[in-house]
């Protein structure tokens, strides 16, 4: 049995960190090499993506109290 932080396994955290790093590199490349895409990316679309991710996390970790904070 691995170390857990609430409902989240420490091994899963490391896997997530790796995946996020790879995704960040892809997104940075896409944004710097595709001006047509960047022009069509609205703040509303970004907000919808964030909401969708939060809903998935809430389903995966229902006891964690995950919510999107307004900044």
C-alpha atoms as a PDB file:
ATOM      1  CA  UNK A   1       0.000   0.000   0.000  1.00  0.00           C
ATOM      2  CA  UNK A   2       1.410   3.378  -0.991  1.00  0.00           C
ATOM      3  CA  UNK A   3       1.381   6.727   0.764  1.00  0.00           C
ATOM      4  CA  UNK A   4      -1.903   8.608   0.407  1.00  0.00           C
ATOM      5  CA  UNK A   5      -2.851  12.255   0.762  1.00  0.00           C
ATOM      6  CA  UNK A   6      -6.572  12.131   1.440  1.00  0.00           C
ATOM      7  CA  UNK A   7      -7.947   9.966  -1.348  1.00  0.00           C
ATOM      8  CA  UNK A   8      -4.959  10.547  -3.648  1.00  0.00           C
ATOM      9  CA  UNK A   9      -2.119   8.021  -3.894  1.00  0.00           C
ATOM     10  CA  UNK A  10       1.395   9.581  -3.931  1.00  0.00           C
ATOM     11  CA  UNK A  11       2.327   7.514  -7.013  1.00  0.00           C
ATOM     12  CA  UNK A  12      -0.653   9.043  -8.826  1.00  0.00           C
ATOM     13  CA  UNK A  13       0.588  12.515  -7.884  1.00  0.00           C
ATOM     14  CA  UNK A  14       3.968  11.842  -9.496  1.00  0.00           C
ATOM     15  CA  UNK A  15       2.318  10.420 -12.603  1.00  0.00           C
ATOM     16  CA  UNK A  16       0.117  13.512 -12.805  1.00  0.00           C
ATOM     17  CA  UNK A  17       3.119  15.839 -12.440  1.00  0.00           C
ATOM     18  CA  UNK A  18       4.840  14.079 -15.354  1.00  0.00           C
ATOM     19  CA  UNK A  19       1.734  14.205 -17.556  1.00  0.00           C
ATOM     20  CA  UNK A  20       1.152  17.882 -16.772  1.00  0.00           C
ATOM     21  CA  UNK A  21       4.748  18.699 -17.668  1.00  0.00           C
ATOM     22  CA  UNK A  22       4.420  16.955 -21.032  1.00  0.00           C
ATOM     23  CA  UNK A  23       1.090  18.666 -21.725  1.00  0.00           C
ATOM     24  CA  UNK A  24       2.564  22.056 -20.819  1.00  0.00           C
ATOM     25  CA  UNK A  25       5.359  21.532 -23.328  1.00  0.00           C
ATOM     26  CA  UNK A  26       2.841  20.597 -26.043  1.00  0.00           C
ATOM     27  CA  UNK A  27       0.617  23.579 -25.285  1.00  0.00           C
ATOM     28  CA  UNK A  28       3.547  25.996 -25.275  1.00  0.00           C
ATOM     29  CA  UNK A  29       4.664  24.654 -28.655  1.00  0.00           C
ATOM     30  CA  UNK A  30       1.140  24.875 -30.117  1.00  0.00           C
ATOM     31  CA  UNK A  31       0.643  28.427 -28.852  1.00  0.00           C
ATOM     32  CA  UNK A  32       3.966  29.623 -30.224  1.00  0.00           C
ATOM     33  CA  UNK A  33       3.545  27.890 -33.615  1.00  0.00           C
ATOM     34  CA  UNK A  34      -0.138  28.304 -34.440  1.00  0.00           C
ATOM     35  CA  UNK A  35      -1.429  31.867 -34.461  1.00  0.00           C
ATOM     36  CA  UNK A  36      -4.803  30.832 -35.997  1.00  0.00           C
ATOM     37  CA  UNK A  37      -5.510  28.603 -32.993  1.00  0.00           C
ATOM     38  CA  UNK A  38      -4.466  31.245 -30.492  1.00  0.00           C
ATOM     39  CA  UNK A  39      -6.772  33.795 -32.117  1.00  0.00           C
ATOM     40  CA  UNK A  40      -9.808  31.528 -31.759  1.00  0.00           C
ATOM     41  CA  UNK A  41      -9.161  30.542 -28.122  1.00  0.00           C
ATOM     42  CA  UNK A  42     -11.605  32.586 -26.054  1.00  0.00           C
ATOM     43  CA  UNK A  43     -11.716  33.066 -22.294  1.00  0.00           C
ATOM     44  CA  UNK A  44     -15.150  31.399 -22.367  1.00  0.00           C
ATOM     45  CA  UNK A  45     -13.661  28.287 -23.996  1.00  0.00           C
ATOM     46  CA  UNK A  46     -10.877  28.185 -21.403  1.00  0.00           C
ATOM     47  CA  UNK A  47     -13.458  28.529 -18.617  1.00  0.00           C
ATOM     48  CA  UNK A  48     -15.479  25.627 -20.012  1.00  0.00           C
ATOM     49  CA  UNK A  49     -12.344  23.457 -20.154  1.00  0.00           C
ATOM     50  CA  UNK A  50     -11.514  24.282 -16.537  1.00  0.00           C
ATOM     51  CA  UNK A  51     -15.071  23.498 -15.402  1.00  0.00           C
ATOM     52  CA  UNK A  52     -14.968  20.150 -17.220  1.00  0.00           C
ATOM     53  CA  UNK A  53     -11.687  19.187 -15.546  1.00  0.00           C
ATOM     54  CA  UNK A  54     -13.035  20.121 -12.103  1.00  0.00           C
ATOM     55  CA  UNK A  55     -16.153  17.988 -12.672  1.00  0.00           C
ATOM     56  CA  UNK A  56     -13.973  14.986 -13.612  1.00  0.00           C
ATOM     57  CA  UNK A  57     -11.816  15.448 -10.520  1.00  0.00           C
ATOM     58  CA  UNK A  58     -14.895  15.758  -8.316  1.00  0.00           C
ATOM     59  CA  UNK A  59     -16.174  12.451  -9.697  1.00  0.00           C
ATOM     60  CA  UNK A  60     -12.808  10.747  -9.221  1.00  0.00           C
ATOM     61  CA  UNK A  61     -12.247  12.138  -5.697  1.00  0.00           C
ATOM     62  CA  UNK A  62     -15.735  12.819  -4.305  1.00  0.00           C
ATOM     63  CA  UNK A  63     -14.596  13.225  -0.672  1.00  0.00           C
ATOM     64  CA  UNK A  64     -11.840  15.760  -1.411  1.00  0.00           C
ATOM     65  CA  UNK A  65     -13.990  18.893  -1.654  1.00  0.00           C
ATOM     66  CA  UNK A  66     -12.436  19.915  -4.965  1.00  0.00           C
ATOM     67  CA  UNK A  67     -13.735  23.222  -6.316  1.00  0.00           C
ATOM     68  CA  UNK A  68     -12.533  25.847  -8.752  1.00  0.00           C
ATOM     69  CA  UNK A  69     -11.534  29.041  -6.950  1.00  0.00           C
ATOM     70  CA  UNK A  70     -12.174  32.385  -8.594  1.00  0.00           C
ATOM     71  CA  UNK A  71      -8.993  34.441  -8.841  1.00  0.00           C
END
